[in-house]
Amino acid sequence: MCLAIPAEVLRVEGNKGLVDYGGLEQEVSLDLVEDIHPGDYVLVHVGFAIEKLSKEAALETLAIFKELESIEQENA
């Protein structure tokens, strides 16, 4: 199964961007997306931003991930 994670773009330098996954920062390739600026949200898969997301969609997805994490911890 493949999983892509929403992340906020902190910095753009050429075709590279620094993104934040809620405290975890990582450099990713921006080769597959256009018109990305700090403050934008992107969907990241294996080190590549593969899609630009609206802030609302990104935050909704992150909230679902957080909810799933809580359920997993309750069942552990």
PDB file of N, CA and C in Angstrom:
ATOM      1  N   MET A   1       0.844  -1.174   0.000  1.00  0.00           N
ATOM      2  CA  MET A   1       0.000   0.000   0.000  1.00  0.00           C
ATOM      3  C   MET A   1       0.886   1.232   0.000  1.00  0.00           C
ATOM      4  N   CYS A   2       0.523   2.204  -0.773  1.00  0.00           N
ATOM      5  CA  CYS A   2       1.255   3.468  -0.827  1.00  0.00           C
ATOM      6  C   CYS A   2       0.499   4.511  -0.016  1.00  0.00           C
ATOM      7  N   LEU A   3       1.257   5.383   0.617  1.00  0.00           N
ATOM      8  CA  LEU A   3       0.646   6.424   1.430  1.00  0.00           C
ATOM      9  C   LEU A   3       1.333   7.746   1.138  1.00  0.00           C
ATOM     10  N   ALA A   4       0.541   8.773   0.916  1.00  0.00           N
ATOM     11  CA  ALA A   4       1.064  10.126   0.737  1.00  0.00           C
ATOM     12  C   ALA A   4       0.558  10.959   1.907  1.00  0.00           C
ATOM     13  N   ILE A   5       1.406  11.840   2.413  1.00  0.00           N
ATOM     14  CA  ILE A   5       1.117  12.605   3.613  1.00  0.00           C
ATOM     15  C   ILE A   5       1.054  14.098   3.277  1.00  0.00           C
ATOM     16  N   PRO A   6       0.034  14.808   3.759  1.00  0.00           N
ATOM     17  CA  PRO A   6      -0.010  16.256   3.568  1.00  0.00           C
ATOM     18  C   PRO A   6       1.069  16.942   4.405  1.00  0.00           C
ATOM     19  N   ALA A   7       1.675  17.975   3.850  1.00  0.00           N
ATOM     20  CA  ALA A   7       2.703  18.734   4.563  1.00  0.00           C
ATOM     21  C   ALA A   7       2.631  20.194   4.135  1.00  0.00           C
ATOM     22  N   GLU A   8       3.002  21.070   5.061  1.00  0.00           N
ATOM     23  CA  GLU A   8       3.031  22.500   4.764  1.00  0.00           C
ATOM     24  C   GLU A   8       4.411  22.879   4.241  1.00  0.00           C
ATOM     25  N   VAL A   9       4.446  23.655   3.186  1.00  0.00           N
ATOM     26  CA  VAL A   9       5.705  24.117   2.610  1.00  0.00           C
ATOM     27  C   VAL A   9       6.230  25.287   3.444  1.00  0.00           C
ATOM     28  N   LEU A  10       7.453  25.133   3.948  1.00  0.00           N
ATOM     29  CA  LEU A  10       8.082  26.181   4.743  1.00  0.00           C
ATOM     30  C   LEU A  10       8.983  27.069   3.899  1.00  0.00           C
ATOM     31  N   ARG A  11       9.691  26.445   2.953  1.00  0.00           N
ATOM     32  CA  ARG A  11      10.669  27.181   2.147  1.00  0.00           C
ATOM     33  C   ARG A  11      10.775  26.519   0.780  1.00  0.00           C
ATOM     34  N   VAL A  12      10.983  27.334  -0.240  1.00  0.00           N
ATOM     35  CA  VAL A  12      11.186  26.848  -1.607  1.00  0.00           C
ATOM     36  C   VAL A  12      12.512  27.386  -2.108  1.00  0.00           C
ATOM     37  N   GLU A  13      13.350  26.482  -2.608  1.00  0.00           N
ATOM     38  CA  GLU A  13      14.640  26.847  -3.210  1.00  0.00           C
ATOM     39  C   GLU A  13      14.798  26.060  -4.495  1.00  0.00           C
ATOM     40  N   GLY A  14      14.491  26.703  -5.603  1.00  0.00           N
ATOM     41  CA  GLY A  14      14.567  26.012  -6.892  1.00  0.00           C
ATOM     42  C   GLY A  14      13.518  24.921  -6.966  1.00  0.00           C
ATOM     43  N   ASN A  15      13.972  23.691  -7.247  1.00  0.00           N
ATOM     44  CA  ASN A  15      13.039  22.570  -7.342  1.00  0.00           C
ATOM     45  C   ASN A  15      12.969  21.766  -6.045  1.00  0.00           C
ATOM     46  N   LYS A  16      13.486  22.310  -4.956  1.00  0.00           N
ATOM     47  CA  LYS A  16      13.438  21.660  -3.638  1.00  0.00           C
ATOM     48  C   LYS A  16      12.601  22.496  -2.687  1.00  0.00           C
ATOM     49  N   GLY A  17      11.959  21.835  -1.751  1.00  0.00           N
ATOM     50  CA  GLY A  17      11.195  22.539  -0.749  1.00  0.00           C
ATOM     51  C   GLY A  17      11.399  21.907   0.608  1.00  0.00           C
ATOM     52  N   LEU A  18      11.334  22.718   1.638  1.00  0.00           N
ATOM     53  CA  LEU A  18      11.365  22.222   3.009  1.00  0.00           C
ATOM     54  C   LEU A  18       9.921  22.194   3.477  1.00  0.00           C
ATOM     55  N   VAL A  19       9.455  21.008   3.912  1.00  0.00           N
ATOM     56  CA  VAL A  19       8.072  20.860   4.349  1.00  0.00           C
ATOM     57  C   VAL A  19       8.021  20.445   5.807  1.00  0.00           C
ATOM     58  N   ASP A  20       6.874  20.695   6.412  1.00  0.00           N
ATOM     59  CA  ASP A  20       6.644  20.373   7.817  1.00  0.00           C
ATOM     60  C   ASP A  20       5.458  19.433   7.921  1.00  0.00           C
ATOM     61  N   TYR A  21       5.688  18.297   8.587  1.00  0.00           N
ATOM     62  CA  TYR A  21       4.637  17.308   8.827  1.00  0.00           C
ATOM     63  C   TYR A  21       4.084  17.443  10.245  1.00  0.00           C
ATOM     64  N   GLY A  22       4.021  18.649  10.778  1.00  0.00           N
ATOM     65  CA  GLY A  22       3.551  18.829  12.147  1.00  0.00           C
ATOM     66  C   GLY A  22       4.666  18.648  13.154  1.00  0.00           C
ATOM     67  N   GLY A  23       5.801  19.241  12.864  1.00  0.00           N
ATOM     68  CA  GLY A  23       6.949  19.157  13.765  1.00  0.00           C
ATOM     69  C   GLY A  23       8.138  18.430  13.162  1.00  0.00           C
ATOM     70  N   LEU A  24       7.901  17.602  12.183  1.00  0.00           N
ATOM     71  CA  LEU A  24       8.972  16.898  11.485  1.00  0.00           C
ATOM     72  C   LEU A  24       9.198  17.591  10.150  1.00  0.00           C
ATOM     73  N   GLU A  25      10.408  18.099   9.939  1.00  0.00           N
ATOM     74  CA  GLU A  25      10.726  18.797   8.695  1.00  0.00           C
ATOM     75  C   GLU A  25      11.546  17.895   7.775  1.00  0.00           C
ATOM     76  N   GLN A  26      11.294  18.025   6.468  1.00  0.00           N
ATOM     77  CA  GLN A  26      11.998  17.209   5.479  1.00  0.00           C
ATOM     78  C   GLN A  26      12.125  17.993   4.186  1.00  0.00           C
ATOM     79  N   GLU A  27      13.237  17.803   3.508  1.00  0.00           N
ATOM     80  CA  GLU A  27      13.398  18.381   2.178  1.00  0.00           C
ATOM     81  C   GLU A  27      12.774  17.434   1.173  1.00  0.00           C
ATOM     82  N   VAL A  28      11.987  17.996   0.255  1.00  0.00           N
ATOM     83  CA  VAL A  28      11.329  17.188  -0.770  1.00  0.00           C
ATOM     84  C   VAL A  28      11.558  17.806  -2.138  1.00  0.00           C
ATOM     85  N   SER A  29      11.388  16.989  -3.159  1.00  0.00           N
ATOM     86  CA  SER A  29      11.469  17.459  -4.539  1.00  0.00           C
ATOM     87  C   SER A  29      10.142  18.087  -4.939  1.00  0.00           C
ATOM     88  N   LEU A  30      10.206  19.214  -5.629  1.00  0.00           N
ATOM     89  CA  LEU A  30       9.017  19.889  -6.144  1.00  0.00           C
ATOM     90  C   LEU A  30       8.900  19.740  -7.661  1.00  0.00           C
ATOM     91  N   ASP A  31       9.662  18.810  -8.239  1.00  0.00           N
ATOM     92  CA  ASP A  31       9.689  18.635  -9.694  1.00  0.00           C
ATOM     93  C   ASP A  31       8.328  18.300 -10.297  1.00  0.00           C
ATOM     94  N   LEU A  32       7.437  17.677  -9.521  1.00  0.00           N
ATOM     95  CA  LEU A  32       6.171  17.191 -10.079  1.00  0.00           C
ATOM     96  C   LEU A  32       4.998  18.148  -9.884  1.00  0.00           C
ATOM     97  N   VAL A  33       5.234  19.272  -9.225  1.00  0.00           N
ATOM     98  CA  VAL A  33       4.159  20.244  -8.977  1.00  0.00           C
ATOM     99  C   VAL A  33       4.604  21.627  -9.436  1.00  0.00           C
ATOM    100  N   GLU A  34       3.644  22.488  -9.701  1.00  0.00           N
ATOM    101  CA  GLU A  34       3.956  23.836 -10.166  1.00  0.00           C
ATOM    102  C   GLU A  34       3.409  24.877  -9.203  1.00  0.00           C
ATOM    103  N   ASP A  35       4.018  26.043  -9.241  1.00  0.00           N
ATOM    104  CA  ASP A  35       3.522  27.211  -8.525  1.00  0.00           C
ATOM    105  C   ASP A  35       3.360  26.953  -7.025  1.00  0.00           C
ATOM    106  N   ILE A  36       4.432  26.489  -6.382  1.00  0.00           N
ATOM    107  CA  ILE A  36       4.420  26.193  -4.949  1.00  0.00           C
ATOM    108  C   ILE A  36       5.155  27.309  -4.205  1.00  0.00           C
ATOM    109  N   HIS A  37       4.538  27.775  -3.124  1.00  0.00           N
ATOM    110  CA  HIS A  37       5.085  28.861  -2.320  1.00  0.00           C
ATOM    111  C   HIS A  37       5.013  28.496  -0.839  1.00  0.00           C
ATOM    112  N   PRO A  38       5.849  29.116   0.002  1.00  0.00           N
ATOM    113  CA  PRO A  38       5.732  28.893   1.442  1.00  0.00           C
ATOM    114  C   PRO A  38       4.293  29.160   1.908  1.00  0.00           C
ATOM    115  N   GLY A  39       3.802  28.279   2.764  1.00  0.00           N
ATOM    116  CA  GLY A  39       2.427  28.376   3.245  1.00  0.00           C
ATOM    117  C   GLY A  39       1.467  27.469   2.496  1.00  0.00           C
ATOM    118  N   ASP A  40       1.861  27.008   1.295  1.00  0.00           N
ATOM    119  CA  ASP A  40       1.044  26.055   0.552  1.00  0.00           C
ATOM    120  C   ASP A  40       1.124  24.689   1.219  1.00  0.00           C
ATOM    121  N   TYR A  41       0.166  23.835   0.908  1.00  0.00           N
ATOM    122  CA  TYR A  41       0.186  22.448   1.358  1.00  0.00           C
ATOM    123  C   TYR A  41       0.341  21.543   0.152  1.00  0.00           C
ATOM    124  N   VAL A  42       1.136  20.505   0.316  1.00  0.00           N
ATOM    125  CA  VAL A  42       1.362  19.534  -0.749  1.00  0.00           C
ATOM    126  C   VAL A  42       1.198  18.129  -0.186  1.00  0.00           C
ATOM    127  N   LEU A  43       0.904  17.212  -1.070  1.00  0.00           N
ATOM    128  CA  LEU A  43       0.841  15.798  -0.737  1.00  0.00           C
ATOM    129  C   LEU A  43       2.197  15.211  -1.089  1.00  0.00           C
ATOM    130  N   VAL A  44       2.861  14.565  -0.106  1.00  0.00           N
ATOM    131  CA  VAL A  44       4.225  14.069  -0.295  1.00  0.00           C
ATOM    132  C   VAL A  44       4.235  12.542  -0.270  1.00  0.00           C
ATOM    133  N   HIS A  45       4.915  11.956  -1.255  1.00  0.00           N
ATOM    134  CA  HIS A  45       5.095  10.505  -1.345  1.00  0.00           C
ATOM    135  C   HIS A  45       6.543  10.231  -1.704  1.00  0.00           C
ATOM    136  N   VAL A  46       7.212   9.452  -0.909  1.00  0.00           N
ATOM    137  CA  VAL A  46       8.618   9.046  -1.070  1.00  0.00           C
ATOM    138  C   VAL A  46       9.538  10.208  -1.462  1.00  0.00           C
ATOM    139  N   GLY A  47       9.376  11.331  -0.787  1.00  0.00           N
ATOM    140  CA  GLY A  47      10.280  12.451  -0.999  1.00  0.00           C
ATOM    141  C   GLY A  47       9.918  13.381  -2.140  1.00  0.00           C
ATOM    142  N   PHE A  48       8.767  13.159  -2.771  1.00  0.00           N
ATOM    143  CA  PHE A  48       8.306  14.004  -3.869  1.00  0.00           C
ATOM    144  C   PHE A  48       6.956  14.615  -3.523  1.00  0.00           C
ATOM    145  N   ALA A  49       6.818  15.922  -3.701  1.00  0.00           N
ATOM    146  CA  ALA A  49       5.506  16.547  -3.640  1.00  0.00           C
ATOM    147  C   ALA A  49       4.792  16.149  -4.926  1.00  0.00           C
ATOM    148  N   ILE A  50       3.639  15.483  -4.784  1.00  0.00           N
ATOM    149  CA  ILE A  50       2.962  14.963  -5.976  1.00  0.00           C
ATOM    150  C   ILE A  50       1.686  15.726  -6.330  1.00  0.00           C
ATOM    151  N   GLU A  51       1.219  16.565  -5.399  1.00  0.00           N
ATOM    152  CA  GLU A  51      -0.011  17.312  -5.653  1.00  0.00           C
ATOM    153  C   GLU A  51      -0.098  18.486  -4.686  1.00  0.00           C
ATOM    154  N   LYS A  52      -0.612  19.607  -5.168  1.00  0.00           N
ATOM    155  CA  LYS A  52      -0.884  20.756  -4.308  1.00  0.00           C
ATOM    156  C   LYS A  52      -2.280  20.570  -3.720  1.00  0.00           C
ATOM    157  N   LEU A  53      -2.422  20.838  -2.418  1.00  0.00           N
ATOM    158  CA  LEU A  53      -3.704  20.684  -1.733  1.00  0.00           C
ATOM    159  C   LEU A  53      -4.186  22.028  -1.204  1.00  0.00           C
ATOM    160  N   SER A  54      -5.487  22.143  -1.038  1.00  0.00           N
ATOM    161  CA  SER A  54      -6.007  23.300  -0.323  1.00  0.00           C
ATOM    162  C   SER A  54      -5.670  23.115   1.154  1.00  0.00           C
ATOM    163  N   LYS A  55      -5.581  24.208   1.867  1.00  0.00           N
ATOM    164  CA  LYS A  55      -5.291  24.134   3.304  1.00  0.00           C
ATOM    165  C   LYS A  55      -6.375  23.323   4.008  1.00  0.00           C
ATOM    166  N   GLU A  56      -7.617  23.527   3.621  1.00  0.00           N
ATOM    167  CA  GLU A  56      -8.730  22.816   4.250  1.00  0.00           C
ATOM    168  C   GLU A  56      -8.612  21.306   4.067  1.00  0.00           C
ATOM    169  N   ALA A  57      -8.312  20.867   2.844  1.00  0.00           N
ATOM    170  CA  ALA A  57      -8.177  19.435   2.573  1.00  0.00           C
ATOM    171  C   ALA A  57      -7.009  18.839   3.346  1.00  0.00           C
ATOM    172  N   ALA A  58      -5.900  19.565   3.395  1.00  0.00           N
ATOM    173  CA  ALA A  58      -4.723  19.072   4.123  1.00  0.00           C
ATOM    174  C   ALA A  58      -5.018  18.936   5.605  1.00  0.00           C
ATOM    175  N   LEU A  59      -5.627  19.956   6.208  1.00  0.00           N
ATOM    176  CA  LEU A  59      -5.914  19.910   7.646  1.00  0.00           C
ATOM    177  C   LEU A  59      -6.954  18.848   7.977  1.00  0.00           C
ATOM    178  N   GLU A  60      -7.921  18.645   7.101  1.00  0.00           N
ATOM    179  CA  GLU A  60      -8.916  17.587   7.303  1.00  0.00           C
ATOM    180  C   GLU A  60      -8.253  16.212   7.296  1.00  0.00           C
ATOM    181  N   THR A  61      -7.357  15.989   6.346  1.00  0.00           N
ATOM    182  CA  THR A  61      -6.652  14.708   6.265  1.00  0.00           C
ATOM    183  C   THR A  61      -5.766  14.497   7.481  1.00  0.00           C
ATOM    184  N   LEU A  62      -5.065  15.534   7.907  1.00  0.00           N
ATOM    185  CA  LEU A  62      -4.212  15.409   9.092  1.00  0.00           C
ATOM    186  C   LEU A  62      -5.034  15.119  10.342  1.00  0.00           C
ATOM    187  N   ALA A  63      -6.226  15.695  10.445  1.00  0.00           N
ATOM    188  CA  ALA A  63      -7.108  15.421  11.586  1.00  0.00           C
ATOM    189  C   ALA A  63      -7.556  13.959  11.581  1.00  0.00           C
ATOM    190  N   ILE A  64      -7.834  13.419  10.413  1.00  0.00           N
ATOM    191  CA  ILE A  64      -8.213  12.002  10.310  1.00  0.00           C
ATOM    192  C   ILE A  64      -7.055  11.117  10.743  1.00  0.00           C
ATOM    193  N   PHE A  65      -5.833  11.435  10.313  1.00  0.00           N
ATOM    194  CA  PHE A  65      -4.659  10.666  10.733  1.00  0.00           C
ATOM    195  C   PHE A  65      -4.519  10.688  12.251  1.00  0.00           C
ATOM    196  N   LYS A  66      -4.717  11.867  12.847  1.00  0.00           N
ATOM    197  CA  LYS A  66      -4.599  12.014  14.294  1.00  0.00           C
ATOM    198  C   LYS A  66      -5.660  11.177  15.013  1.00  0.00           C
ATOM    199  N   GLU A  67      -6.868  11.165  14.463  1.00  0.00           N
ATOM    200  CA  GLU A  67      -7.949  10.360  15.039  1.00  0.00           C
ATOM    201  C   GLU A  67      -7.619   8.873  14.968  1.00  0.00           C
ATOM    202  N   LEU A  68      -7.087   8.436  13.837  1.00  0.00           N
ATOM    203  CA  LEU A  68      -6.699   7.035  13.692  1.00  0.00           C
ATOM    204  C   LEU A  68      -5.592   6.662  14.671  1.00  0.00           C
ATOM    205  N   GLU A  69      -4.660   7.577  14.886  1.00  0.00           N
ATOM    206  CA  GLU A  69      -3.588   7.343  15.841  1.00  0.00           C
ATOM    207  C   GLU A  69      -4.154   7.161  17.249  1.00  0.00           C
ATOM    208  N   SER A  70      -5.130   7.971  17.631  1.00  0.00           N
ATOM    209  CA  SER A  70      -5.759   7.868  18.953  1.00  0.00           C
ATOM    210  C   SER A  70      -6.458   6.529  19.111  1.00  0.00           C
ATOM    211  N   ILE A  71      -7.171   6.098  18.087  1.00  0.00           N
ATOM    212  CA  ILE A  71      -7.866   4.811  18.137  1.00  0.00           C
ATOM    213  C   ILE A  71      -6.864   3.680  18.281  1.00  0.00           C
ATOM    214  N   GLU A  72      -5.763   3.758  17.537  1.00  0.00           N
ATOM    215  CA  GLU A  72      -4.729   2.729  17.611  1.00  0.00           C
ATOM    216  C   GLU A  72      -4.135   2.649  19.012  1.00  0.00           C
ATOM    217  N   GLN A  73      -3.884   3.796  19.636  1.00  0.00           N
ATOM    218  CA  GLN A  73      -3.304   3.830  20.984  1.00  0.00           C
ATOM    219  C   GLN A  73      -4.282   3.262  22.007  1.00  0.00           C
ATOM    220  N   GLU A  74      -5.567   3.520  21.834  1.00  0.00           N
ATOM    221  CA  GLU A  74      -6.579   2.974  22.742  1.00  0.00           C
ATOM    222  C   GLU A  74      -6.636   1.462  22.668  1.00  0.00           C
ATOM    223  N   ASN A  75      -6.400   0.917  21.481  1.00  0.00           N
ATOM    224  CA  ASN A  75      -6.497  -0.530  21.274  1.00  0.00           C
ATOM    225  C   ASN A  75      -5.196  -1.262  21.536  1.00  0.00           C
ATOM    226  N   ALA A  76      -4.150  -0.541  21.857  1.00  0.00           N
ATOM    227  CA  ALA A  76      -2.842  -1.193  22.085  1.00  0.00           C
ATOM    228  C   ALA A  76      -2.768  -1.830  23.450  1.00  0.00           C
TER     229      ALA A  76
END
